[in-house]
Amino acid sequence: MSGQLNISFDAFNELPDLYFLLSKDLEIAAVNNAVAKMAGTNKSILANKFESILLHSSAPVVTNTIQQALKENKLKKCEAKLSLNSNLIDVQLFISTFSENRSKRILIIAKDITSDKRKEIDLLRFYYVAQNTVNPLQITDTSGRMIYVNPAFEKASGYSKEELLGQNPNIFSSKRHSQKFWDKMWGEISGGKVWIGEVENKKRDGESFFTELLISPILDYQSKVIGYFGIHRDLTEKRALEKQLMHTQKMESIGTLAAGIAHEVGNPLASISALVQIIQRQSLDQFINQKLELVKKQITRISKIIRDLVDFSRPTRYELQQVNINENIVEAIDIVRVGKKAKNILFLSNLDENLPKLPLVSDQIQQVFVNVLINAVDAITDRQLSTPDTVNGEISVDTSFQDDSIFVSFTDNGIGITEQNMSKIFEPFFTSKKDDKGTGLGLWVSYGIIKSFHGDIKVESKPDNGTTFIISLPLMN
């Protein structure tokens, strides 16, 4: 029986896996050539306890599995770490028992899974990075169907993972890119090349989002494309800053043009005004004087527009002083609320008493507040005139301090601003007011004043749902 066993065990010598023959006391009785080669000798490992080559953390699991195999006389499996001559390897153990000369023997086959373990760790690392990165990631199969998206992709697109998996990425296409654009992309990635381009997509709610998209083919061991990996870099903020820069440059160009127009128009207008006054003093015709009075009103209106143009285009000559924003707002509210339109409007204020003072020109910043409040009053009046239901007008003003900036918000429950008008409200001569009630320069001038103090002014609005103007002013100018 013993000879037969030795012959049988010798048959394992040329096999690549590690074979151990143990006594019932777990002493190593024999090993195959693969073990001897890794251990560096045929002799030193023999007669040692099997636990001696186990990493300490693996020993309890292995010994417990061996005891189960002895007790149940069944094949058992477990994973362990072996240390052979400073070689540390991950193995899967197959443990079986048999009897020889009425003694229990244990045969252990150790399959090296070190490479698989490393791949598993690499996969876990990739998964952790992918799940927690701020960049939207997606993986598709060769036909373009999504088989993985990370949380950042869900957040950016507005779709849930369940809605995206199995779908083609064209579900959030903006239709802004030509078929030739996408054909070129597919031609490169299907040929095993990396493609990079800027794309505009649509979120679930229809809002646009811009990204720089890198798509890399996923290759198998034979360099065959088995899928595609895409990573997005959000360009929305970059596009917004570019748009803001273009708008600022546009305002500066218009300001330069406005200065020239004001100079060329101002002098002839003064002459016309003087002639009108001379004719009025000399004429006794009532009809003529009525018409001349209308001319005077239009001259006054044009003069105000010219003054606003000049105020916007020329550098400020006012001296900066430490201004209390809250006091300035209270004065602006007092100015606006005495108007006829504002008598039935409720003005609410929530002003942070701990606001620091800012180096500003008091009259200019108050002009901004008054302009915004007058627009709010007009918006409420327009809604009251166009809505059969009674609308109780309300304007709230809030101030706060955060991130080294003071924020002032004006919120009304007026008629709101349409989407097509949102991008135009800071342009000169644009007004949505009816019957020529506005010059279209109030917000333009206000924009210029806020920018001169290195601040910003933003608008949030929906038709028939009110408007909020948010002004931010940095602590250090």
Protein backbone atom coordinates (compact mmCIF):
# COMPACT_ATOMS: atom_id res chain seq x y z
CA MET A 1 0.00 0.00 0.00
CA SER A 2 2.82 2.34 0.90
CA GLY A 3 4.70 1.57 -2.32
CA GLN A 4 1.58 2.14 -4.36
CA LEU A 5 1.08 5.44 -2.64
CA ASN A 6 4.63 6.56 -3.37
CA ILE A 7 4.22 5.66 -7.00
CA SER A 8 0.93 7.48 -7.10
CA PHE A 9 2.38 10.59 -5.47
CA ASP A 10 5.44 10.52 -7.76
CA ALA A 11 2.99 11.00 -10.61
CA PHE A 12 2.33 14.54 -9.31
CA ASN A 13 5.98 15.59 -9.68
CA GLU A 14 5.66 17.00 -13.21
CA LEU A 15 2.39 18.84 -12.58
CA PRO A 16 2.55 22.67 -12.25
CA ASP A 17 0.37 22.94 -9.14
CA LEU A 18 1.79 22.49 -5.62
CA TYR A 19 1.12 19.05 -4.01
CA PHE A 20 1.60 18.27 -0.31
CA LEU A 21 1.19 14.93 1.47
CA LEU A 22 0.54 15.35 5.19
CA SER A 23 0.35 12.95 8.12
CA LYS A 24 -2.64 13.06 10.44
CA ASP A 25 -0.52 15.37 12.68
CA LEU A 26 -0.24 17.76 9.74
CA GLU A 27 3.47 17.10 9.24
CA ILE A 28 4.70 17.37 5.63
CA ALA A 29 5.56 13.83 4.46
CA ALA A 30 6.11 14.50 0.76
CA VAL A 31 5.99 17.27 -1.82
CA ASN A 32 6.15 17.39 -5.61
CA ASN A 33 8.85 19.04 -7.71
CA ALA A 34 6.89 22.33 -8.03
CA VAL A 35 6.99 22.76 -4.22
CA ALA A 36 10.65 21.73 -3.98
CA LYS A 37 11.59 24.23 -6.69
CA MET A 38 9.77 27.09 -5.00
CA ALA A 39 11.06 26.12 -1.53
CA GLY A 40 14.62 25.91 -2.83
CA THR A 41 15.32 22.36 -1.56
CA ASN A 42 13.79 18.91 -1.47
CA LYS A 43 14.61 18.27 2.15
CA SER A 44 14.21 21.28 4.45
CA ILE A 45 10.45 21.53 4.09
CA LEU A 46 9.83 17.84 4.95
CA ALA A 47 8.86 16.85 8.50
CA ASN A 48 7.79 20.42 9.20
CA LYS A 49 4.28 21.22 10.26
CA PHE A 50 2.13 22.49 7.40
CA GLU A 51 1.31 25.52 9.53
CA SER A 52 4.99 26.58 9.31
CA ILE A 53 4.58 27.60 5.67
CA LEU A 54 1.23 29.31 6.19
CA LEU A 55 0.98 33.03 6.75
CA HIS A 56 -0.15 33.57 10.32
CA SER A 57 -3.52 34.99 9.32
CA SER A 58 -4.26 31.94 7.12
CA ALA A 59 -3.42 29.22 9.67
CA PRO A 60 -6.74 29.12 11.62
CA VAL A 61 -8.84 28.88 8.46
CA VAL A 62 -6.68 26.14 6.92
CA THR A 63 -6.39 23.98 10.04
CA ASN A 64 -10.13 24.24 10.62
CA THR A 65 -10.82 23.20 7.00
CA ILE A 66 -8.43 20.23 7.33
CA GLN A 67 -10.21 19.07 10.48
CA GLN A 68 -13.54 19.24 8.66
CA ALA A 69 -12.11 17.15 5.80
CA LEU A 70 -10.84 14.54 8.28
CA LYS A 71 -14.14 14.44 10.12
CA GLU A 72 -16.45 14.32 7.10
CA ASN A 73 -14.07 12.48 4.76
CA LYS A 74 -15.03 14.93 1.96
CA LEU A 75 -13.14 17.26 -0.36
CA LYS A 76 -12.84 20.75 1.14
CA LYS A 77 -11.63 24.04 -0.29
CA CYS A 78 -10.28 27.27 1.16
CA GLU A 79 -7.93 30.13 0.30
CA ALA A 80 -4.62 30.83 2.04
CA LYS A 81 -1.25 32.54 1.75
CA LEU A 82 1.88 30.34 1.60
CA SER A 83 5.42 31.47 2.43
CA LEU A 84 8.04 29.35 0.65
CA ASN A 85 11.64 30.53 0.78
CA SER A 86 10.51 34.21 0.99
CA ASN A 87 8.02 33.64 -1.86
CA LEU A 88 4.60 34.80 -0.65
CA ILE A 89 1.82 33.46 -2.84
CA ASP A 90 -1.96 33.35 -2.75
CA VAL A 91 -3.33 29.84 -3.24
CA GLN A 92 -6.59 27.98 -3.35
CA LEU A 93 -6.30 24.74 -1.38
CA PHE A 94 -8.12 21.51 -2.33
CA ILE A 95 -7.99 19.23 0.73
CA SER A 96 -8.82 15.49 0.60
CA THR A 97 -8.15 12.59 2.98
CA PHE A 98 -7.51 8.85 2.58
CA SER A 99 -6.33 5.91 4.67
CA GLU A 100 -2.94 4.22 4.40
CA ASN A 101 -2.02 1.28 6.68
CA ARG A 102 -4.96 2.26 8.90
CA SER A 103 -3.58 5.79 9.26
CA LYS A 104 -5.22 8.92 7.96
CA ARG A 105 -3.32 10.83 5.31
CA ILE A 106 -4.07 14.27 3.88
CA LEU A 107 -3.47 15.35 0.28
CA ILE A 108 -3.41 19.10 -0.38
CA ILE A 109 -3.32 20.60 -3.86
CA ALA A 110 -2.40 24.31 -3.84
CA LYS A 111 -3.37 26.25 -6.99
CA ASP A 112 -1.49 29.55 -7.37
CA ILE A 113 -4.03 32.37 -7.65
CA THR A 114 -1.62 35.25 -6.94
CA SER A 115 -2.17 36.77 -10.37
CA ASP A 116 -5.95 36.50 -10.01
CA LYS A 117 -5.76 38.15 -6.59
CA ARG A 118 -3.72 41.03 -7.97
CA LYS A 119 -6.24 41.52 -10.74
CA GLU A 120 -9.02 41.43 -8.17
CA ILE A 121 -7.26 44.09 -6.08
CA ASP A 122 -6.64 46.22 -9.17
CA LEU A 123 -10.31 45.88 -10.08
CA LEU A 124 -11.37 46.91 -6.57
CA ARG A 125 -9.05 49.90 -6.72
CA PHE A 126 -10.42 50.93 -10.09
CA TYR A 127 -13.98 50.46 -8.87
CA TYR A 128 -13.33 52.60 -5.79
CA VAL A 129 -11.74 55.37 -7.88
CA ALA A 130 -14.49 55.18 -10.48
CA GLN A 131 -17.27 55.30 -7.90
CA ASN A 132 -15.80 58.29 -6.04
CA THR A 133 -14.29 60.46 -8.76
CA VAL A 134 -16.02 63.72 -9.63
CA ASN A 135 -15.60 62.99 -13.35
CA PRO A 136 -18.51 61.20 -15.05
CA LEU A 137 -17.42 57.75 -16.30
CA GLN A 138 -19.16 55.26 -18.56
CA ILE A 139 -18.31 51.89 -20.09
CA THR A 140 -20.09 50.58 -23.17
CA ASP A 141 -19.98 47.33 -25.09
CA THR A 142 -18.85 47.21 -28.72
CA SER A 143 -22.32 48.19 -29.96
CA GLY A 144 -22.33 51.30 -27.77
CA ARG A 145 -24.79 50.13 -25.08
CA MET A 146 -23.86 51.33 -21.61
CA ILE A 147 -22.87 48.58 -19.17
CA TYR A 148 -21.48 50.81 -16.40
CA VAL A 149 -21.91 54.40 -15.23
CA ASN A 150 -20.54 55.92 -12.03
CA PRO A 151 -22.48 58.14 -9.57
CA ALA A 152 -20.89 61.27 -11.05
CA PHE A 153 -22.36 60.33 -14.44
CA GLU A 154 -25.81 59.90 -12.88
CA LYS A 155 -25.51 63.32 -11.25
CA ALA A 156 -24.27 65.04 -14.42
CA SER A 157 -26.91 63.53 -16.72
CA GLY A 158 -29.85 63.55 -14.32
CA TYR A 159 -30.61 59.92 -15.17
CA SER A 160 -30.42 57.03 -12.71
CA LYS A 161 -28.16 54.04 -13.31
CA GLU A 162 -31.20 51.85 -13.94
CA GLU A 163 -32.38 54.20 -16.69
CA LEU A 164 -28.97 54.27 -18.39
CA LEU A 165 -27.72 50.68 -18.36
CA GLY A 166 -28.46 48.93 -21.64
CA GLN A 167 -29.19 52.23 -23.38
CA ASN A 168 -27.26 53.96 -26.13
CA PRO A 169 -25.63 57.29 -25.08
CA ASN A 170 -27.67 59.07 -27.76
CA ILE A 171 -30.57 59.23 -25.24
CA PHE A 172 -28.99 62.43 -23.93
CA SER A 173 -27.74 63.72 -27.28
CA SER A 174 -28.23 67.45 -27.84
CA LYS A 175 -28.49 66.92 -31.64
CA ARG A 176 -25.93 69.73 -31.97
CA HIS A 177 -23.24 67.51 -33.53
CA SER A 178 -23.41 66.25 -37.09
CA GLN A 179 -23.45 62.60 -38.10
CA LYS A 180 -20.00 63.17 -39.64
CA PHE A 181 -18.72 64.20 -36.19
CA TRP A 182 -19.88 60.91 -34.63
CA ASP A 183 -18.80 58.79 -37.62
CA LYS A 184 -15.26 60.12 -37.22
CA MET A 185 -15.34 59.31 -33.50
CA TRP A 186 -16.54 55.73 -34.11
CA GLY A 187 -13.97 55.25 -36.86
CA GLU A 188 -11.12 56.11 -34.49
CA ILE A 189 -12.20 54.13 -31.41
CA SER A 190 -13.26 51.03 -33.37
CA GLY A 191 -9.76 51.07 -34.86
CA GLY A 192 -8.25 50.90 -31.38
CA LYS A 193 -7.38 54.62 -31.09
CA VAL A 194 -8.20 57.06 -28.29
CA TRP A 195 -10.62 59.85 -29.25
CA ILE A 196 -10.88 63.25 -27.51
CA GLY A 197 -13.46 65.93 -28.28
CA GLU A 198 -15.80 68.52 -26.77
CA VAL A 199 -19.47 67.56 -26.76
CA GLU A 200 -22.75 69.14 -25.74
CA ASN A 201 -25.30 66.81 -24.17
CA LYS A 202 -28.76 67.24 -22.68
CA LYS A 203 -29.61 66.40 -19.09
CA ARG A 204 -32.81 64.59 -18.25
CA ASP A 205 -34.51 67.95 -17.61
CA GLY A 206 -33.41 69.30 -21.00
CA GLU A 207 -30.63 71.53 -19.66
CA SER A 208 -27.39 71.52 -21.64
CA PHE A 209 -24.11 70.32 -20.16
CA PHE A 210 -20.75 70.60 -21.87
CA THR A 211 -17.89 68.15 -21.40
CA GLU A 212 -14.54 67.23 -22.83
CA LEU A 213 -14.97 63.54 -23.64
CA LEU A 214 -12.14 61.02 -23.85
CA ILE A 215 -13.09 57.58 -25.21
CA SER A 216 -10.57 54.75 -25.02
CA PRO A 217 -11.13 51.29 -26.51
CA ILE A 218 -10.88 48.35 -24.08
CA LEU A 219 -8.70 45.60 -25.58
CA ASP A 220 -8.44 41.91 -24.67
CA TYR A 221 -5.22 39.86 -24.63
CA GLN A 222 -5.34 39.54 -28.41
CA SER A 223 -5.72 43.35 -28.86
CA LYS A 224 -9.33 42.90 -29.93
CA VAL A 225 -11.75 45.69 -28.99
CA ILE A 226 -14.26 44.36 -26.44
CA GLY A 227 -15.74 47.65 -25.22
CA TYR A 228 -15.16 51.36 -24.70
CA PHE A 229 -14.30 53.45 -21.66
CA GLY A 230 -15.41 57.09 -21.61
CA ILE A 231 -14.44 59.81 -19.16
CA HIS A 232 -15.99 63.29 -19.14
CA ARG A 233 -14.47 66.53 -17.87
CA ASP A 234 -17.15 69.09 -17.05
CA LEU A 235 -16.79 72.25 -19.15
CA THR A 236 -20.02 73.93 -18.00
CA GLU A 237 -18.24 76.37 -15.68
CA LYS A 238 -15.59 77.06 -18.32
CA ARG A 239 -18.27 77.82 -20.91
CA ALA A 240 -20.08 80.06 -18.41
CA LEU A 241 -16.87 81.99 -17.70
CA GLU A 242 -16.15 82.33 -21.43
CA LYS A 243 -19.68 83.60 -21.96
CA GLN A 244 -19.30 86.04 -19.08
CA LEU A 245 -15.96 87.26 -20.48
CA MET A 246 -17.49 87.78 -23.91
CA HIS A 247 -20.38 89.65 -22.32
CA THR A 248 -17.98 91.86 -20.35
CA GLN A 249 -15.95 92.61 -23.47
CA LYS A 250 -19.16 93.37 -25.32
CA MET A 251 -20.22 95.78 -22.57
CA GLU A 252 -16.83 97.51 -22.70
CA SER A 253 -17.08 97.92 -26.48
CA ILE A 254 -20.60 99.29 -26.20
CA GLY A 255 -19.43 101.65 -23.47
CA THR A 256 -16.72 103.05 -25.73
CA LEU A 257 -19.25 103.45 -28.53
CA ALA A 258 -21.73 105.06 -26.13
CA ALA A 259 -19.21 107.72 -25.09
CA GLY A 260 -18.76 108.73 -28.72
CA ILE A 261 -22.50 108.79 -29.39
CA ALA A 262 -23.18 110.85 -26.27
CA HIS A 263 -20.61 113.44 -27.33
CA GLU A 264 -21.94 113.69 -30.90
CA VAL A 265 -25.62 113.85 -29.87
CA GLY A 266 -25.28 116.01 -26.77
CA ASN A 267 -24.27 119.26 -28.46
CA PRO A 268 -26.99 119.27 -31.20
CA LEU A 269 -29.56 118.31 -28.58
CA ALA A 270 -28.61 121.29 -26.42
CA SER A 271 -29.04 123.57 -29.43
CA ILE A 272 -32.48 122.10 -30.20
CA SER A 273 -33.55 122.55 -26.58
CA ALA A 274 -32.48 126.21 -26.63
CA LEU A 275 -34.37 126.88 -29.88
CA VAL A 276 -37.54 125.25 -28.50
CA GLN A 277 -37.43 127.47 -25.42
CA ILE A 278 -36.92 130.61 -27.56
CA ILE A 279 -39.90 129.73 -29.78
CA GLN A 280 -42.06 129.01 -26.73
CA ARG A 281 -41.35 132.44 -25.27
CA GLN A 282 -42.19 134.20 -28.55
CA SER A 283 -45.22 132.18 -29.68
CA LEU A 284 -48.74 132.86 -28.44
CA ASP A 285 -50.27 129.98 -30.40
CA GLN A 286 -51.62 127.43 -27.89
CA PHE A 287 -51.45 124.51 -30.35
CA ILE A 288 -47.81 125.24 -31.17
CA ASN A 289 -46.87 125.58 -27.50
CA GLN A 290 -48.51 122.20 -26.71
CA LYS A 291 -46.48 120.53 -29.41
CA LEU A 292 -43.31 122.29 -28.26
CA GLU A 293 -43.96 120.99 -24.74
CA LEU A 294 -44.05 117.46 -26.12
CA VAL A 295 -40.76 118.14 -27.90
CA LYS A 296 -39.26 119.35 -24.60
CA LYS A 297 -40.32 116.12 -22.84
CA GLN A 298 -38.69 114.01 -25.53
CA ILE A 299 -35.54 116.14 -25.30
CA THR A 300 -35.50 115.57 -21.54
CA ARG A 301 -35.87 111.83 -22.12
CA ILE A 302 -33.03 111.79 -24.64
CA SER A 303 -30.87 113.85 -22.26
CA LYS A 304 -31.39 111.31 -19.49
CA ILE A 305 -30.36 108.50 -21.83
CA ILE A 306 -27.22 110.42 -22.76
CA ARG A 307 -26.37 111.04 -19.08
CA ASP A 308 -26.77 107.31 -18.39
CA LEU A 309 -24.53 106.50 -21.35
CA VAL A 310 -21.86 108.89 -20.12
CA ASP A 311 -22.12 107.60 -16.54
CA PHE A 312 -21.60 104.06 -17.78
CA SER A 313 -18.76 104.72 -20.20
CA ARG A 314 -16.53 107.14 -18.31
CA PRO A 315 -14.29 106.08 -15.41
CA THR A 316 -15.70 106.96 -12.00
CA ARG A 317 -14.31 110.07 -10.36
CA TYR A 318 -15.99 109.46 -7.05
CA GLU A 319 -13.91 108.74 -4.02
CA LEU A 320 -14.24 105.30 -2.45
CA GLN A 321 -15.57 105.29 1.09
CA GLN A 322 -16.42 102.58 3.61
CA VAL A 323 -20.11 101.96 2.94
CA ASN A 324 -22.64 100.23 5.19
CA ILE A 325 -24.60 98.10 2.70
CA ASN A 326 -27.60 97.64 5.02
CA GLU A 327 -28.04 101.38 5.55
CA ASN A 328 -27.71 101.94 1.82
CA ILE A 329 -30.43 99.35 1.12
CA VAL A 330 -32.81 100.87 3.68
CA GLU A 331 -32.40 104.29 2.03
CA ALA A 332 -33.00 102.77 -1.42
CA ILE A 333 -36.20 101.10 -0.19
CA ASP A 334 -37.39 104.41 1.34
CA ILE A 335 -36.80 106.14 -2.02
CA VAL A 336 -38.74 103.55 -4.05
CA ARG A 337 -41.65 102.90 -1.68
CA VAL A 338 -42.92 106.50 -1.86
CA GLY A 339 -43.71 106.06 -5.56
CA LYS A 340 -47.33 105.77 -6.66
CA LYS A 341 -46.88 102.21 -8.02
CA ALA A 342 -45.30 100.98 -4.81
CA LYS A 343 -47.91 102.13 -2.32
CA ASN A 344 -49.65 98.71 -2.18
CA ILE A 345 -46.45 96.65 -2.29
CA LEU A 346 -45.05 95.06 0.86
CA PHE A 347 -41.29 95.52 1.32
CA LEU A 348 -39.60 92.91 3.49
CA SER A 349 -35.97 92.96 4.57
CA ASN A 350 -33.75 90.37 6.24
CA LEU A 351 -30.43 92.14 6.69
CA ASP A 352 -27.40 90.54 8.31
CA GLU A 353 -26.31 92.93 11.08
CA ASN A 354 -22.75 91.58 11.03
CA LEU A 355 -21.93 92.69 7.49
CA PRO A 356 -18.53 94.37 7.17
CA LYS A 357 -18.30 97.73 5.43
CA LEU A 358 -17.06 97.81 1.84
CA PRO A 359 -14.99 100.39 -0.04
CA LEU A 360 -17.61 101.66 -2.52
CA VAL A 361 -19.10 104.81 -3.97
CA SER A 362 -22.27 105.19 -1.91
CA ASP A 363 -24.32 107.05 -4.53
CA GLN A 364 -23.45 104.56 -7.27
CA ILE A 365 -24.25 101.41 -5.30
CA GLN A 366 -27.51 103.01 -4.14
CA GLN A 367 -28.33 103.75 -7.78
CA VAL A 368 -27.98 100.02 -8.47
CA PHE A 369 -30.29 99.10 -5.59
CA VAL A 370 -32.87 101.68 -6.67
CA ASN A 371 -32.78 100.46 -10.29
CA VAL A 372 -33.34 96.84 -9.24
CA LEU A 373 -36.16 97.80 -6.84
CA ILE A 374 -37.90 99.94 -9.50
CA ASN A 375 -37.76 97.01 -11.92
CA ALA A 376 -39.28 94.78 -9.22
CA VAL A 377 -42.12 97.29 -8.69
CA ASP A 378 -42.78 97.47 -12.44
CA ALA A 379 -42.76 93.65 -12.71
CA ILE A 380 -45.36 93.37 -9.93
CA THR A 381 -47.50 96.09 -11.54
CA ASP A 382 -47.37 94.30 -14.92
CA ARG A 383 -48.47 91.03 -13.30
CA GLN A 384 -51.33 92.74 -11.46
CA LEU A 385 -52.53 94.27 -14.73
CA SER A 386 -52.29 91.01 -16.70
CA THR A 387 -53.71 88.66 -14.07
CA PRO A 388 -57.44 88.56 -13.30
CA ASP A 389 -56.70 87.21 -9.81
CA THR A 390 -55.55 89.64 -7.14
CA VAL A 391 -51.78 89.53 -6.65
CA ASN A 392 -50.44 90.95 -3.39
CA GLY A 393 -47.18 92.58 -4.37
CA GLU A 394 -44.16 91.65 -2.28
CA ILE A 395 -40.46 92.50 -2.53
CA SER A 396 -37.94 90.96 -0.15
CA VAL A 397 -34.33 92.06 0.27
CA ASP A 398 -31.75 89.82 1.98
CA THR A 399 -28.10 90.35 2.79
CA SER A 400 -25.51 87.79 3.88
CA PHE A 401 -21.76 87.38 4.16
CA GLN A 402 -19.90 84.24 3.07
CA ASP A 403 -16.67 83.27 1.34
CA ASP A 404 -15.25 86.81 1.74
CA SER A 405 -18.14 88.32 -0.25
CA ILE A 406 -21.33 90.16 0.61
CA PHE A 407 -24.47 88.92 -1.15
CA VAL A 408 -27.57 91.07 -1.69
CA SER A 409 -30.67 89.43 -3.13
CA PHE A 410 -33.85 91.16 -4.32
CA THR A 411 -36.86 88.85 -4.81
CA ASP A 412 -40.24 89.89 -6.18
CA ASN A 413 -43.41 88.04 -7.09
CA GLY A 414 -43.83 89.92 -10.34
CA ILE A 415 -44.47 88.83 -13.90
CA GLY A 416 -41.00 87.29 -14.28
CA ILE A 417 -38.66 87.20 -17.26
CA THR A 418 -39.02 84.93 -20.28
CA GLU A 419 -36.16 82.61 -21.21
CA GLN A 420 -35.43 84.45 -24.44
CA ASN A 421 -35.13 87.76 -22.56
CA MET A 422 -32.84 86.45 -19.80
CA SER A 423 -29.71 86.81 -21.92
CA LYS A 424 -30.62 90.36 -22.99
CA ILE A 425 -31.57 92.15 -19.77
CA PHE A 426 -28.13 93.68 -19.22
CA GLU A 427 -27.83 94.90 -22.81
CA PRO A 428 -28.27 98.64 -23.47
CA PHE A 429 -31.66 99.88 -24.69
CA PHE A 430 -33.30 96.52 -24.08
CA THR A 431 -36.55 96.74 -22.12
CA SER A 432 -39.59 94.53 -21.77
CA LYS A 433 -41.65 97.39 -20.35
CA LYS A 434 -44.65 98.45 -22.39
CA ASP A 435 -45.54 101.88 -23.79
CA ASP A 436 -41.89 103.06 -23.79
CA LYS A 437 -41.88 103.34 -20.00
CA GLY A 438 -38.24 102.34 -19.76
CA THR A 439 -35.06 103.48 -21.48
CA GLY A 440 -33.44 100.05 -21.25
CA LEU A 441 -30.36 101.50 -19.57
CA GLY A 442 -31.07 101.00 -15.86
CA LEU A 443 -29.80 97.43 -15.59
CA TRP A 444 -27.03 98.09 -18.11
CA VAL A 445 -25.70 100.93 -15.97
CA SER A 446 -26.17 98.81 -12.83
CA TYR A 447 -24.17 96.00 -14.40
CA GLY A 448 -21.34 98.40 -15.20
CA ILE A 449 -21.29 99.79 -11.67
CA ILE A 450 -21.18 96.35 -10.04
CA LYS A 451 -18.40 95.20 -12.38
CA SER A 452 -16.40 98.35 -11.57
CA PHE A 453 -16.39 97.16 -7.94
CA HIS A 454 -15.21 93.69 -9.08
CA GLY A 455 -18.58 92.22 -8.18
CA ASP A 456 -21.18 90.23 -10.08
CA ILE A 457 -24.92 90.37 -10.66
CA LYS A 458 -27.02 87.33 -11.58
CA VAL A 459 -30.69 86.77 -12.29
CA GLU A 460 -33.01 83.85 -11.60
CA SER A 461 -36.52 84.06 -13.01
CA LYS A 462 -39.45 82.20 -14.50
CA PRO A 463 -42.49 83.70 -16.23
CA ASP A 464 -45.33 84.46 -13.76
CA ASN A 465 -43.18 83.14 -10.92
CA GLY A 466 -41.17 86.18 -9.86
CA THR A 467 -37.56 87.23 -10.22
CA THR A 468 -34.48 87.25 -7.98
CA PHE A 469 -31.48 89.49 -8.57
CA ILE A 470 -28.36 88.38 -6.67
CA ILE A 471 -25.54 90.91 -6.31
CA SER A 472 -22.17 89.79 -4.94
CA LEU A 473 -19.48 92.21 -3.81
CA PRO A 474 -16.03 90.98 -2.72
CA LEU A 475 -14.64 92.14 0.60
CA MET A 476 -11.34 93.16 -1.00
CA ASN A 477 -11.55 95.21 -4.19
